[in-house]
C-alpha atoms as a PDB file:
ATOM      1  CA  MET A   1     198.555 130.180 100.856  1.00  0.00           C
ATOM      2  CA  PHE A   2     195.776 131.288  98.451  1.00  0.00           C
ATOM      3  CA  SER A   3     192.508 133.006 100.155  1.00  0.00           C
ATOM      4  CA  PRO A   4     189.127 133.062  99.032  1.00  0.00           C
ATOM      5  CA  TYR A   5     188.896 136.937  98.872  1.00  0.00           C
ATOM      6  CA  ARG A   6     190.762 137.122  95.409  1.00  0.00           C
ATOM      7  CA  GLY A   7     190.983 140.331  94.261  1.00  0.00           C
ATOM      8  CA  ARG A   8     189.830 142.565  96.581  1.00  0.00           C
ATOM      9  CA  GLY A   9     193.537 144.091  96.851  1.00  0.00           C
ATOM     10  CA  PHE A  10     194.783 147.018  95.380  1.00  0.00           C
ATOM     11  CA  TYR A  11     194.939 145.563  92.034  1.00  0.00           C
ATOM     12  CA  ASP A  12     193.725 142.200  90.946  1.00  0.00           C
ATOM     13  CA  PRO A  13     194.793 141.714  86.964  1.00  0.00           C
ATOM     14  CA  LEU A  14     192.187 138.258  86.079  1.00  0.00           C
ATOM     15  CA  SER A  15     189.149 140.757  86.368  1.00  0.00           C
ATOM     16  CA  GLU A  16     190.861 143.572  84.563  1.00  0.00           C
ATOM     17  CA  MET A  17     192.399 140.644  81.791  1.00  0.00           C
ATOM     18  CA  ASN A  18     188.387 139.707  81.853  1.00  0.00           C
ATOM     19  CA  ARG A  19     187.327 143.470  81.882  1.00  0.00           C
ATOM     20  CA  LEU A  20     189.623 144.670  78.719  1.00  0.00           C
ATOM     21  CA  PHE A  21     188.460 141.346  77.116  1.00  0.00           C
ATOM     22  CA  ALA A  22     184.918 141.908  77.588  1.00  0.00           C
ATOM     23  CA  GLN A  23     185.545 145.818  76.454  1.00  0.00           C
ATOM     24  CA  ILE A  24     186.856 144.352  73.380  1.00  0.00           C
ATOM     25  CA  PHE A  25     184.884 142.018  72.020  1.00  0.00           C
ATOM     26  CA  GLY A  26     181.630 143.590  73.027  1.00  0.00           C
ATOM     27  CA  LEU A  27     180.845 140.607  75.891  1.00  0.00           C
ATOM     28  CA  THR A  28     178.046 140.587  77.811  1.00  0.00           C
ATOM     29  CA  ARG A  29     178.100 139.627  81.404  1.00  0.00           C
ATOM     30  CA  ASN A  30     177.599 136.179  81.375  1.00  0.00           C
ATOM     31  CA  GLN A  31     179.824 135.150  78.477  1.00  0.00           C
ATOM     32  CA  GLY A  32     183.530 134.754  79.705  1.00  0.00           C
ATOM     33  CA  ALA A  33     182.710 135.949  83.308  1.00  0.00           C
ATOM     34  CA  SER A  34     184.286 133.378  84.789  1.00  0.00           C
ATOM     35  CA  ASP A  35     183.897 134.967  88.310  1.00  0.00           C
ATOM     36  CA  GLN A  36     181.209 137.764  90.153  1.00  0.00           C
ATOM     37  CA  ARG A  37     183.963 140.624  89.922  1.00  0.00           C
ATOM     38  CA  ALA A  38     184.666 139.855  86.230  1.00  0.00           C
ATOM     39  CA  ALA A  39     180.418 139.605  85.385  1.00  0.00           C
ATOM     40  CA  GLN A  40     180.990 143.252  87.313  1.00  0.00           C
ATOM     41  CA  GLY A  41     183.374 144.729  85.018  1.00  0.00           C
ATOM     42  CA  SER A  42     181.521 143.414  81.875  1.00  0.00           C
ATOM     43  CA  GLN A  43     178.666 145.041  83.414  1.00  0.00           C
ATOM     44  CA  ALA A  44     180.529 148.686  83.794  1.00  0.00           C
ATOM     45  CA  THR A  45     181.930 148.254  80.192  1.00  0.00           C
ATOM     46  CA  GLN A  46     178.393 147.896  78.890  1.00  0.00           C
ATOM     47  CA  GLU A  47     177.932 151.120  81.341  1.00  0.00           C
ATOM     48  CA  ILE A  48     180.559 152.724  79.301  1.00  0.00           C
ATOM     49  CA  THR A  49     179.300 151.347  75.383  1.00  0.00           C
ATOM     50  CA  ALA A  50     176.208 151.417  75.543  1.00  0.00           C
ATOM     51  CA  TRP A  51     175.702 154.944  76.106  1.00  0.00           C
ATOM     52  CA  ALA A  52     172.617 157.240  74.908  1.00  0.00           C
ATOM     53  CA  PRO A  53     171.749 160.566  75.362  1.00  0.00           C
ATOM     54  CA  ALA A  54     169.533 162.355  78.093  1.00  0.00           C
ATOM     55  CA  ILE A  55     165.946 163.265  76.647  1.00  0.00           C
ATOM     56  CA  ASP A  56     163.795 165.936  78.607  1.00  0.00           C
ATOM     57  CA  VAL A  57     160.134 165.938  77.027  1.00  0.00           C
ATOM     58  CA  VAL A  58     158.092 168.935  77.469  1.00  0.00           C
ATOM     59  CA  GLN A  59     155.460 170.923  76.460  1.00  0.00           C
ATOM     60  CA  ARG A  60     155.142 174.022  74.937  1.00  0.00           C
ATOM     61  CA  ASP A  61     151.381 174.994  73.982  1.00  0.00           C
ATOM     62  CA  GLU A  62     149.973 172.753  71.693  1.00  0.00           C
ATOM     63  CA  ASP A  63     153.213 171.174  70.672  1.00  0.00           C
ATOM     64  CA  LEU A  64     155.702 168.535  72.000  1.00  0.00           C
ATOM     65  CA  VAL A  65     159.394 169.328  72.228  1.00  0.00           C
ATOM     66  CA  VAL A  66     162.326 166.622  73.008  1.00  0.00           C
ATOM     67  CA  ARG A  67     165.657 168.063  73.559  1.00  0.00           C
ATOM     68  CA  ALA A  68     168.322 165.358  73.689  1.00  0.00           C
ATOM     69  CA  GLU A  69     172.302 166.576  74.742  1.00  0.00           C
ATOM     70  CA  LEU A  70     174.398 165.213  72.691  1.00  0.00           C
ATOM     71  CA  PRO A  71     177.899 166.614  73.885  1.00  0.00           C
ATOM     72  CA  GLY A  72     181.039 166.009  70.689  1.00  0.00           C
ATOM     73  CA  VAL A  73     178.653 165.629  68.509  1.00  0.00           C
ATOM     74  CA  THR A  74     178.238 167.090  65.182  1.00  0.00           C
ATOM     75  CA  PRO A  75     174.350 167.447  63.268  1.00  0.00           C
ATOM     76  CA  ASP A  76     175.746 166.003  60.372  1.00  0.00           C
ATOM     77  CA  ASP A  77     176.202 162.414  62.500  1.00  0.00           C
ATOM     78  CA  VAL A  78     172.639 162.314  64.128  1.00  0.00           C
ATOM     79  CA  ASP A  79     169.825 160.853  62.259  1.00  0.00           C
ATOM     80  CA  ILE A  80     166.004 161.083  62.973  1.00  0.00           C
ATOM     81  CA  THR A  81     163.072 159.144  61.568  1.00  0.00           C
ATOM     82  CA  ILE A  82     159.232 158.351  62.599  1.00  0.00           C
ATOM     83  CA  GLN A  83     157.741 155.669  61.560  1.00  0.00           C
ATOM     84  CA  ASN A  84     154.248 153.592  63.135  1.00  0.00           C
ATOM     85  CA  GLY A  85     153.908 156.263  65.538  1.00  0.00           C
ATOM     86  CA  VAL A  86     157.447 155.823  66.901  1.00  0.00           C
ATOM     87  CA  LEU A  87     160.134 159.270  67.050  1.00  0.00           C
ATOM     88  CA  THR A  88     164.177 157.538  67.093  1.00  0.00           C
ATOM     89  CA  ILE A  89     166.771 159.326  67.336  1.00  0.00           C
ATOM     90  CA  SER A  90     170.195 158.306  66.704  1.00  0.00           C
ATOM     91  CA  GLY A  91     173.726 158.381  65.687  1.00  0.00           C
ATOM     92  CA  ARG A  92     177.169 158.484  66.147  1.00  0.00           C
ATOM     93  CA  ILE A  93     179.561 159.601  68.325  1.00  0.00           C
ATOM     94  CA  SER A  94     183.191 160.041  68.061  1.00  0.00           C
ATOM     95  CA  GLU A  95     185.425 162.175  70.746  1.00  0.00           C
ATOM     96  CA  GLN A  96     189.064 162.845  71.275  1.00  0.00           C
ATOM     97  CA  ARG A  97     190.044 164.737  74.365  1.00  0.00           C
ATOM     98  CA  GLU A  98     193.630 165.790  74.256  1.00  0.00           C
ATOM     99  CA  GLU A  99     195.487 167.195  77.587  1.00  0.00           C
ATOM    100  CA  GLU A 100     198.795 167.316  78.828  1.00  0.00           C
ATOM    101  CA  ARG A 101     199.156 166.980  82.610  1.00  0.00           C
ATOM    102  CA  GLU A 102     202.313 167.669  85.248  1.00  0.00           C
ATOM    103  CA  GLY A 103     204.467 165.753  82.479  1.00  0.00           C
ATOM    104  CA  TYR A 104     201.665 163.137  81.239  1.00  0.00           C
ATOM    105  CA  LEU A 105     199.919 163.408  77.960  1.00  0.00           C
ATOM    106  CA  VAL A 106     196.262 161.734  78.548  1.00  0.00           C
ATOM    107  CA  ARG A 107     194.036 160.740  75.444  1.00  0.00           C
ATOM    108  CA  GLU A 108     190.483 159.830  75.971  1.00  0.00           C
ATOM    109  CA  ARG A 109     188.601 158.602  72.997  1.00  0.00           C
ATOM    110  CA  ARG A 110     185.351 157.525  73.213  1.00  0.00           C
ATOM    111  CA  THR A 111     183.308 156.697  70.277  1.00  0.00           C
ATOM    112  CA  GLY A 112     179.721 153.699  69.452  1.00  0.00           C
ATOM    113  CA  MET A 113     176.499 154.693  68.255  1.00  0.00           C
ATOM    114  CA  PHE A 114     173.620 155.451  70.192  1.00  0.00           C
ATOM    115  CA  ARG A 115     169.472 155.417  69.657  1.00  0.00           C
ATOM    116  CA  ARG A 116     166.470 156.842  71.738  1.00  0.00           C
ATOM    117  CA  SER A 117     162.796 155.743  70.862  1.00  0.00           C
ATOM    118  CA  LEU A 118     160.090 157.323  71.839  1.00  0.00           C
ATOM    119  CA  GLN A 119     156.232 156.564  71.473  1.00  0.00           C
ATOM    120  CA  LEU A 120     154.320 159.203  69.735  1.00  0.00           C
ATOM    121  CA  PRO A 121     150.901 160.135  70.502  1.00  0.00           C
ATOM    122  CA  GLN A 122     148.279 159.117  68.209  1.00  0.00           C
ATOM    123  CA  ASP A 123     146.793 161.378  65.406  1.00  0.00           C
ATOM    124  CA  VAL A 124     150.406 162.792  65.149  1.00  0.00           C
ATOM    125  CA  ASP A 125     150.535 164.715  61.838  1.00  0.00           C
ATOM    126  CA  GLU A 126     154.116 162.766  61.087  1.00  0.00           C
ATOM    127  CA  ASP A 127     154.886 165.665  58.007  1.00  0.00           C
ATOM    128  CA  ASP A 128     154.635 168.912  60.382  1.00  0.00           C
ATOM    129  CA  VAL A 129     157.925 168.376  62.948  1.00  0.00           C
ATOM    130  CA  SER A 130     160.896 169.973  62.567  1.00  0.00           C
ATOM    131  CA  ALA A 131     164.328 170.035  64.161  1.00  0.00           C
ATOM    132  CA  ARG A 132     167.310 171.998  65.557  1.00  0.00           C
ATOM    133  CA  PHE A 133     170.871 171.311  66.230  1.00  0.00           C
ATOM    134  CA  GLU A 134     172.539 174.195  68.967  1.00  0.00           C
ATOM    135  CA  ASP A 135     175.246 174.308  71.250  1.00  0.00           C
ATOM    136  CA  GLY A 136     175.146 170.027  71.350  1.00  0.00           C
ATOM    137  CA  VAL A 137     171.728 169.666  72.222  1.00  0.00           C
ATOM    138  CA  LEU A 138     169.027 168.869  69.828  1.00  0.00           C
ATOM    139  CA  GLU A 139     165.393 170.116  69.527  1.00  0.00           C
ATOM    140  CA  VAL A 140     162.691 168.107  67.862  1.00  0.00           C
ATOM    141  CA  THR A 141     159.275 169.798  67.817  1.00  0.00           C
ATOM    142  CA  ILE A 142     156.150 168.106  66.549  1.00  0.00           C
ATOM    143  CA  LYS A 143     153.357 170.682  66.542  1.00  0.00           C
ATOM    144  CA  GLY A 144     149.984 170.102  68.223  1.00  0.00           C
ATOM    145  CA  ALA A 145     151.159 166.765  69.689  1.00  0.00           C
ATOM    146  CA  ALA A 146     150.129 168.195  73.103  1.00  0.00           C
ATOM    147  CA  ALA A 147     147.303 169.202  72.327  1.00  0.00           C
ATOM    148  CA  GLY A 148     145.409 165.983  73.541  1.00  0.00           C
ATOM    149  CA  GLN A 149     141.728 165.273  74.193  1.00  0.00           C
ATOM    150  CA  GLU A 150     140.527 165.434  77.421  1.00  0.00           C
ATOM    151  CA  PRO A 151     140.543 161.644  79.309  1.00  0.00           C
ATOM    152  CA  LYS A 152     137.101 160.421  79.643  1.00  0.00           C
ATOM    153  CA  ARG A 153     136.053 158.894  83.040  1.00  0.00           C
ATOM    154  CA  VAL A 154     134.686 155.611  82.927  1.00  0.00           C
ATOM    155  CA  GLN A 155     132.000 154.686  86.302  1.00  0.00           C
ATOM    156  CA  ILE A 156     132.758 151.636  88.249  1.00  0.00           C
ATOM    157  CA  GLU A 157     130.251 148.869  88.438  1.00  0.00           C
ATOM    158  CA  GLY A 158     130.227 147.109  92.671  1.00  0.00           C
ATOM    159  CA  GLN A 159     129.288 143.933  92.829  1.00  0.00           C
ATOM    160  CA  ASN A 160     125.638 144.419  93.212  1.00  0.00           C
ATOM    161  CA  GLY A 161     125.733 145.945  90.016  1.00  0.00           C
ATOM    162  CA  ALA A 162     125.079 149.567  91.497  1.00  0.00           C
ATOM    163  CA  THR A 163     127.475 152.588  89.876  1.00  0.00           C
ATOM    164  CA  ARG A 164     129.914 154.371  91.877  1.00  0.00           C
ATOM    165  CA  GLN A 165     128.713 158.370  92.507  1.00  0.00           C
ATOM    166  CA  GLU A 166     131.591 160.319  92.030  1.00  0.00           C
ATOM    167  CA  GLU A 167     131.884 162.954  95.659  1.00  0.00           C
ATOM    168  CA  GLY A 168     130.562 166.149  94.850  1.00  0.00           C
ATOM    169  CA  ASP A 169     128.390 165.806  91.361  1.00  0.00           C
ATOM    170  CA  GLY A 170     125.120 166.339  93.497  1.00  0.00           C
ATOM    171  CA  SER A 171     122.686 163.234  91.824  1.00  0.00           C
ATOM    172  CA  GLN A 172     121.775 161.031  94.142  1.00  0.00           C
END
């Protein structure tokens, strides 16, 4: 008797085959996914292959500093570009590990492309950007990008045309 809950057992060969095909041929969730479990396997594959580095953006005095964690990446594999006020960090990761455990040889390989883009504040001098790579961390410094203007407060008009008075400003 066939169970409607096919694939919930210890090992499901159909889901495994769908996952492998999706991984090899780069299928999206809706391509080649005959059932929900295959779609979930394909989605998990996409999350693994679509790796993007973790990024922190911090302010250091008047400068903006972008830190990207790039473990297993060399500085030669990283490309930094600025175009139309957008900072893009892209590159290629190729990592291979080999380990012997309890009589088994375990080899892991990870390869792929990555890309992260950030919109920079207006009026940033694109020529005043520096980058440093150390211990798997890329640090891009944008000089003067954090020295922004104070925000302008806009008065809100009510239905009768009167403007709302700010609390504590002393005006009546």
